[in-house]
Structure formats: C-alpha cells, structure tokens
Amino acid sequence: MTGFAGMDPLSRQRQMVARYPDNELARFSLGRALFDGGEYVEAREHLSAALSRKPDWMAVQILVGKCDLALGDPASARAAFERARDLALAQHHEGPLAEVEDLLDGLHP
C-alpha cells in the first residue's frame, strides 16, 4: 500500500476511506479508531456507513450503540443494542449476546 508508510494509524484509516469510500471494512476501521479516540460523532457516521453496506454486522451495531450512549442518547443506544441482540441471537454469538444484555441492563428505562 504505497503512500501509507510513516502515517499515524488514524491518518492511514482516513486515507483508506478516502480511497475506498464504499468499503465497509475501511469505514469500520476508521469508525473504531475514532471511537477509541473519543470522537463519537464522527465514529458513528463511519460505523453507520459500514452498517448501510452490511446491516447484519453485529460488532458494528454494538459500537453504534456505544457511540449513542457516549453521546447522551440512551433511546438510540437502546434501539442499537436491541438490534445487536437480535443479530447475536440469529448468528448464535453467545459472547456478544452477553455483552449486549449487560449494556441493555445498564440502561435506565
């Protein structure tokens, strides 16, 4: 991958999205890096773009909910976590299911 040497990880991820804007993995990687850096608004945008290309991507759905939670929107977080729970059940993923159940339990009604 020419042109990426010497770039910090976030810059590399941004460059990948610039080159491949329709690539859901590039969007996820940038969204994850932004989430890890506390940039929840921009992270959510890229994660949502990844979900628009691959709506059954459970891990991304969980991160969208975590962004919503960090942004102070528990109603949207609940909806995202409920969708992630449905995906975890349909895909038979017990670990993520337990994580999502814990996240839902932590939300106030």
N, C-alpha and C. Protein backbone atom coordinates (compact mmCIF):
# COMPACT_ATOMS: atom_id res chain seq x y z
N MET A 1 0.83 -1.18 0.00
CA MET A 1 0.00 0.00 0.00
C MET A 1 0.88 1.25 0.00
N THR A 2 1.18 1.70 -1.11
CA THR A 2 2.03 2.86 -1.28
C THR A 2 1.35 4.10 -0.71
N GLY A 3 2.15 4.94 -0.07
CA GLY A 3 1.63 6.19 0.44
C GLY A 3 1.17 6.15 1.88
N PHE A 4 1.21 4.99 2.54
CA PHE A 4 0.75 4.88 3.92
C PHE A 4 1.90 4.82 4.92
N ALA A 5 3.12 4.57 4.46
CA ALA A 5 4.26 4.45 5.36
C ALA A 5 4.48 5.76 6.10
N GLY A 6 4.75 5.65 7.37
CA GLY A 6 5.04 6.83 8.18
C GLY A 6 3.82 7.58 8.67
N MET A 7 2.63 7.17 8.28
CA MET A 7 1.40 7.84 8.73
C MET A 7 0.97 7.26 10.07
N ASP A 8 0.38 8.09 10.91
CA ASP A 8 -0.19 7.56 12.14
C ASP A 8 -1.42 6.73 11.78
N PRO A 9 -1.83 5.82 12.68
CA PRO A 9 -2.94 4.90 12.34
C PRO A 9 -4.23 5.61 11.93
N LEU A 10 -4.58 6.67 12.60
CA LEU A 10 -5.82 7.36 12.26
C LEU A 10 -5.73 7.98 10.86
N SER A 11 -4.59 8.57 10.55
CA SER A 11 -4.41 9.14 9.21
C SER A 11 -4.47 8.06 8.14
N ARG A 12 -3.89 6.89 8.44
CA ARG A 12 -3.96 5.77 7.49
C ARG A 12 -5.41 5.36 7.25
N GLN A 13 -6.18 5.29 8.34
CA GLN A 13 -7.58 4.89 8.20
C GLN A 13 -8.36 5.92 7.40
N ARG A 14 -8.10 7.19 7.64
CA ARG A 14 -8.77 8.24 6.87
C ARG A 14 -8.42 8.13 5.38
N GLN A 15 -7.15 7.86 5.11
CA GLN A 15 -6.71 7.72 3.72
C GLN A 15 -7.39 6.53 3.05
N MET A 16 -7.54 5.44 3.78
CA MET A 16 -8.21 4.26 3.22
C MET A 16 -9.67 4.58 2.85
N VAL A 17 -10.35 5.31 3.73
CA VAL A 17 -11.73 5.69 3.45
C VAL A 17 -11.79 6.64 2.26
N ALA A 18 -10.82 7.55 2.18
CA ALA A 18 -10.79 8.47 1.04
C ALA A 18 -10.60 7.70 -0.27
N ARG A 19 -9.77 6.68 -0.24
CA ARG A 19 -9.53 5.88 -1.44
C ARG A 19 -10.68 4.94 -1.76
N TYR A 20 -11.27 4.38 -0.70
CA TYR A 20 -12.30 3.35 -0.86
C TYR A 20 -13.54 3.70 -0.03
N PRO A 21 -14.25 4.74 -0.39
CA PRO A 21 -15.37 5.21 0.44
C PRO A 21 -16.52 4.21 0.58
N ASP A 22 -16.64 3.27 -0.33
CA ASP A 22 -17.72 2.29 -0.26
C ASP A 22 -17.29 0.99 0.41
N ASN A 23 -16.08 0.94 0.93
CA ASN A 23 -15.57 -0.26 1.56
C ASN A 23 -15.97 -0.27 3.04
N GLU A 24 -16.82 -1.22 3.41
CA GLU A 24 -17.33 -1.25 4.79
C GLU A 24 -16.23 -1.56 5.81
N LEU A 25 -15.22 -2.32 5.44
CA LEU A 25 -14.14 -2.61 6.37
C LEU A 25 -13.31 -1.35 6.65
N ALA A 26 -13.07 -0.56 5.62
CA ALA A 26 -12.36 0.70 5.81
C ALA A 26 -13.16 1.63 6.72
N ARG A 27 -14.47 1.70 6.48
CA ARG A 27 -15.34 2.53 7.32
C ARG A 27 -15.34 2.05 8.77
N PHE A 28 -15.44 0.73 8.95
CA PHE A 28 -15.42 0.17 10.30
C PHE A 28 -14.10 0.50 10.99
N SER A 29 -12.99 0.30 10.30
CA SER A 29 -11.68 0.53 10.91
C SER A 29 -11.52 1.98 11.34
N LEU A 30 -11.94 2.90 10.49
CA LEU A 30 -11.87 4.31 10.86
C LEU A 30 -12.83 4.61 12.00
N GLY A 31 -14.04 4.08 11.92
CA GLY A 31 -15.01 4.30 12.99
C GLY A 31 -14.50 3.78 14.33
N ARG A 32 -13.88 2.62 14.32
CA ARG A 32 -13.34 2.03 15.55
C ARG A 32 -12.21 2.90 16.11
N ALA A 33 -11.32 3.36 15.24
CA ALA A 33 -10.22 4.22 15.68
C ALA A 33 -10.75 5.52 16.26
N LEU A 34 -11.75 6.10 15.63
CA LEU A 34 -12.35 7.33 16.14
C LEU A 34 -13.06 7.08 17.47
N PHE A 35 -13.77 5.97 17.58
CA PHE A 35 -14.43 5.61 18.82
C PHE A 35 -13.40 5.48 19.94
N ASP A 36 -12.33 4.77 19.66
CA ASP A 36 -11.28 4.58 20.66
C ASP A 36 -10.65 5.91 21.08
N GLY A 37 -10.67 6.89 20.17
CA GLY A 37 -10.13 8.21 20.47
C GLY A 37 -11.16 9.17 21.06
N GLY A 38 -12.38 8.68 21.31
CA GLY A 38 -13.42 9.52 21.91
C GLY A 38 -14.12 10.46 20.94
N GLU A 39 -13.95 10.24 19.65
CA GLU A 39 -14.59 11.07 18.63
C GLU A 39 -15.89 10.39 18.19
N TYR A 40 -16.90 10.44 19.07
CA TYR A 40 -18.09 9.61 18.91
C TYR A 40 -18.99 10.04 17.76
N VAL A 41 -19.10 11.33 17.50
CA VAL A 41 -19.97 11.78 16.41
C VAL A 41 -19.44 11.28 15.07
N GLU A 42 -18.17 11.52 14.82
CA GLU A 42 -17.59 11.09 13.54
C GLU A 42 -17.51 9.56 13.48
N ALA A 43 -17.20 8.93 14.61
CA ALA A 43 -17.16 7.47 14.64
C ALA A 43 -18.50 6.90 14.23
N ARG A 44 -19.57 7.46 14.77
CA ARG A 44 -20.91 6.95 14.46
C ARG A 44 -21.23 7.09 12.98
N GLU A 45 -20.80 8.18 12.38
CA GLU A 45 -21.04 8.38 10.94
C GLU A 45 -20.41 7.26 10.12
N HIS A 46 -19.16 6.93 10.42
CA HIS A 46 -18.47 5.90 9.65
C HIS A 46 -19.00 4.50 9.96
N LEU A 47 -19.34 4.26 11.22
CA LEU A 47 -19.92 2.97 11.59
C LEU A 47 -21.28 2.78 10.93
N SER A 48 -22.07 3.84 10.89
CA SER A 48 -23.38 3.76 10.22
C SER A 48 -23.21 3.51 8.72
N ALA A 49 -22.18 4.11 8.12
CA ALA A 49 -21.91 3.85 6.70
C ALA A 49 -21.55 2.39 6.48
N ALA A 50 -20.77 1.82 7.40
CA ALA A 50 -20.42 0.40 7.29
C ALA A 50 -21.67 -0.46 7.41
N LEU A 51 -22.55 -0.11 8.34
CA LEU A 51 -23.80 -0.86 8.51
C LEU A 51 -24.72 -0.75 7.30
N SER A 52 -24.68 0.37 6.63
CA SER A 52 -25.53 0.52 5.45
C SER A 52 -25.10 -0.45 4.35
N ARG A 53 -23.83 -0.83 4.34
CA ARG A 53 -23.32 -1.79 3.35
C ARG A 53 -23.47 -3.23 3.83
N LYS A 54 -23.44 -3.41 5.16
CA LYS A 54 -23.52 -4.76 5.73
C LYS A 54 -24.37 -4.70 7.01
N PRO A 55 -25.69 -4.67 6.88
CA PRO A 55 -26.58 -4.43 8.01
C PRO A 55 -26.59 -5.52 9.08
N ASP A 56 -26.04 -6.69 8.78
CA ASP A 56 -26.03 -7.75 9.78
C ASP A 56 -24.71 -7.83 10.55
N TRP A 57 -23.91 -6.78 10.48
CA TRP A 57 -22.60 -6.75 11.14
C TRP A 57 -22.80 -6.38 12.61
N MET A 58 -22.91 -7.38 13.43
CA MET A 58 -23.27 -7.23 14.83
C MET A 58 -22.28 -6.37 15.61
N ALA A 59 -20.98 -6.59 15.43
CA ALA A 59 -19.97 -5.83 16.18
C ALA A 59 -20.09 -4.33 15.89
N VAL A 60 -20.38 -3.99 14.66
CA VAL A 60 -20.55 -2.59 14.29
C VAL A 60 -21.82 -2.03 14.93
N GLN A 61 -22.86 -2.83 14.96
CA GLN A 61 -24.12 -2.40 15.59
C GLN A 61 -23.90 -2.10 17.07
N ILE A 62 -23.11 -2.92 17.74
CA ILE A 62 -22.80 -2.68 19.15
C ILE A 62 -22.06 -1.36 19.31
N LEU A 63 -21.08 -1.11 18.45
CA LEU A 63 -20.32 0.14 18.54
C LEU A 63 -21.19 1.37 18.27
N VAL A 64 -22.14 1.24 17.36
CA VAL A 64 -23.07 2.35 17.12
C VAL A 64 -23.83 2.66 18.41
N GLY A 65 -24.30 1.63 19.08
CA GLY A 65 -24.99 1.83 20.36
C GLY A 65 -24.09 2.47 21.40
N LYS A 66 -22.84 2.05 21.45
CA LYS A 66 -21.90 2.64 22.41
C LYS A 66 -21.64 4.11 22.08
N CYS A 67 -21.59 4.45 20.79
CA CYS A 67 -21.47 5.86 20.40
C CYS A 67 -22.69 6.64 20.88
N ASP A 68 -23.88 6.10 20.63
CA ASP A 68 -25.10 6.77 21.06
C ASP A 68 -25.10 6.98 22.57
N LEU A 69 -24.68 5.99 23.30
CA LEU A 69 -24.62 6.09 24.75
C LEU A 69 -23.63 7.17 25.17
N ALA A 70 -22.46 7.18 24.55
CA ALA A 70 -21.45 8.19 24.88
C ALA A 70 -21.92 9.60 24.52
N LEU A 71 -22.78 9.70 23.52
CA LEU A 71 -23.31 10.99 23.08
C LEU A 71 -24.55 11.42 23.86
N GLY A 72 -24.93 10.62 24.86
CA GLY A 72 -26.05 11.00 25.71
C GLY A 72 -27.41 10.73 25.10
N ASP A 73 -27.50 9.75 24.24
CA ASP A 73 -28.78 9.40 23.60
C ASP A 73 -29.15 7.96 23.94
N PRO A 74 -29.63 7.72 25.17
CA PRO A 74 -29.92 6.35 25.58
C PRO A 74 -31.03 5.68 24.77
N ALA A 75 -31.97 6.43 24.24
CA ALA A 75 -33.04 5.82 23.44
C ALA A 75 -32.47 5.22 22.16
N SER A 76 -31.60 5.96 21.49
CA SER A 76 -30.96 5.43 20.29
C SER A 76 -30.03 4.29 20.63
N ALA A 77 -29.33 4.40 21.75
CA ALA A 77 -28.44 3.32 22.19
C ALA A 77 -29.25 2.04 22.42
N ARG A 78 -30.39 2.18 23.09
CA ARG A 78 -31.24 1.01 23.35
C ARG A 78 -31.67 0.35 22.04
N ALA A 79 -32.09 1.16 21.08
CA ALA A 79 -32.51 0.61 19.78
C ALA A 79 -31.36 -0.11 19.10
N ALA A 80 -30.17 0.47 19.15
CA ALA A 80 -29.00 -0.16 18.53
C ALA A 80 -28.64 -1.46 19.25
N PHE A 81 -28.70 -1.46 20.58
CA PHE A 81 -28.37 -2.66 21.35
C PHE A 81 -29.42 -3.75 21.14
N GLU A 82 -30.68 -3.36 21.02
CA GLU A 82 -31.72 -4.36 20.75
C GLU A 82 -31.51 -5.00 19.38
N ARG A 83 -31.13 -4.20 18.40
CA ARG A 83 -30.83 -4.73 17.07
C ARG A 83 -29.62 -5.67 17.16
N ALA A 84 -28.60 -5.27 17.91
CA ALA A 84 -27.42 -6.12 18.08
C ALA A 84 -27.78 -7.42 18.79
N ARG A 85 -28.68 -7.34 19.76
CA ARG A 85 -29.13 -8.56 20.45
C ARG A 85 -29.82 -9.50 19.46
N ASP A 86 -30.68 -8.96 18.61
CA ASP A 86 -31.35 -9.78 17.60
C ASP A 86 -30.33 -10.45 16.67
N LEU A 87 -29.32 -9.69 16.28
CA LEU A 87 -28.29 -10.24 15.41
C LEU A 87 -27.49 -11.32 16.13
N ALA A 88 -27.15 -11.08 17.39
CA ALA A 88 -26.39 -12.07 18.16
C ALA A 88 -27.18 -13.36 18.30
N LEU A 89 -28.47 -13.24 18.54
CA LEU A 89 -29.30 -14.44 18.64
C LEU A 89 -29.38 -15.17 17.30
N ALA A 90 -29.60 -14.43 16.23
CA ALA A 90 -29.72 -15.04 14.91
C ALA A 90 -28.41 -15.69 14.46
N GLN A 91 -27.29 -15.10 14.88
CA GLN A 91 -25.98 -15.60 14.45
C GLN A 91 -25.35 -16.55 15.48
N HIS A 92 -26.05 -16.80 16.57
CA HIS A 92 -25.59 -17.72 17.61
C HIS A 92 -24.25 -17.30 18.22
N HIS A 93 -24.12 -16.01 18.56
CA HIS A 93 -22.91 -15.48 19.18
C HIS A 93 -23.18 -15.21 20.66
N GLU A 94 -22.75 -16.13 21.50
CA GLU A 94 -23.06 -16.03 22.93
C GLU A 94 -22.30 -14.91 23.63
N GLY A 95 -21.01 -14.72 23.32
CA GLY A 95 -20.22 -13.68 23.98
C GLY A 95 -20.79 -12.29 23.73
N PRO A 96 -20.98 -11.92 22.47
CA PRO A 96 -21.58 -10.62 22.19
C PRO A 96 -23.00 -10.49 22.74
N LEU A 97 -23.73 -11.59 22.76
CA LEU A 97 -25.08 -11.54 23.32
C LEU A 97 -25.03 -11.15 24.79
N ALA A 98 -24.11 -11.75 25.53
CA ALA A 98 -23.96 -11.41 26.96
C ALA A 98 -23.55 -9.95 27.12
N GLU A 99 -22.65 -9.47 26.26
CA GLU A 99 -22.23 -8.07 26.32
C GLU A 99 -23.42 -7.13 26.09
N VAL A 100 -24.21 -7.43 25.07
CA VAL A 100 -25.35 -6.58 24.74
C VAL A 100 -26.40 -6.63 25.86
N GLU A 101 -26.63 -7.80 26.42
CA GLU A 101 -27.58 -7.91 27.53
C GLU A 101 -27.11 -7.04 28.71
N ASP A 102 -25.81 -7.05 28.99
CA ASP A 102 -25.26 -6.22 30.07
C ASP A 102 -25.45 -4.74 29.75
N LEU A 103 -25.22 -4.36 28.50
CA LEU A 103 -25.39 -2.96 28.10
C LEU A 103 -26.84 -2.55 28.23
N LEU A 104 -27.75 -3.42 27.81
CA LEU A 104 -29.19 -3.10 27.93
C LEU A 104 -29.60 -3.02 29.39
N ASP A 105 -29.09 -3.93 30.22
CA ASP A 105 -29.42 -3.90 31.64
C ASP A 105 -28.93 -2.61 32.31
N GLY A 106 -27.84 -2.04 31.78
CA GLY A 106 -27.30 -0.82 32.35
C GLY A 106 -28.05 0.44 31.95
N LEU A 107 -28.93 0.33 30.98
CA LEU A 107 -29.72 1.49 30.56
C LEU A 107 -30.94 1.64 31.45
N HIS A 108 -31.25 2.85 31.79
CA HIS A 108 -32.45 3.10 32.57
C HIS A 108 -33.65 3.18 31.63
N PRO A 109 -34.79 2.67 32.06
CA PRO A 109 -35.99 2.68 31.20
C PRO A 109 -36.46 4.08 30.83
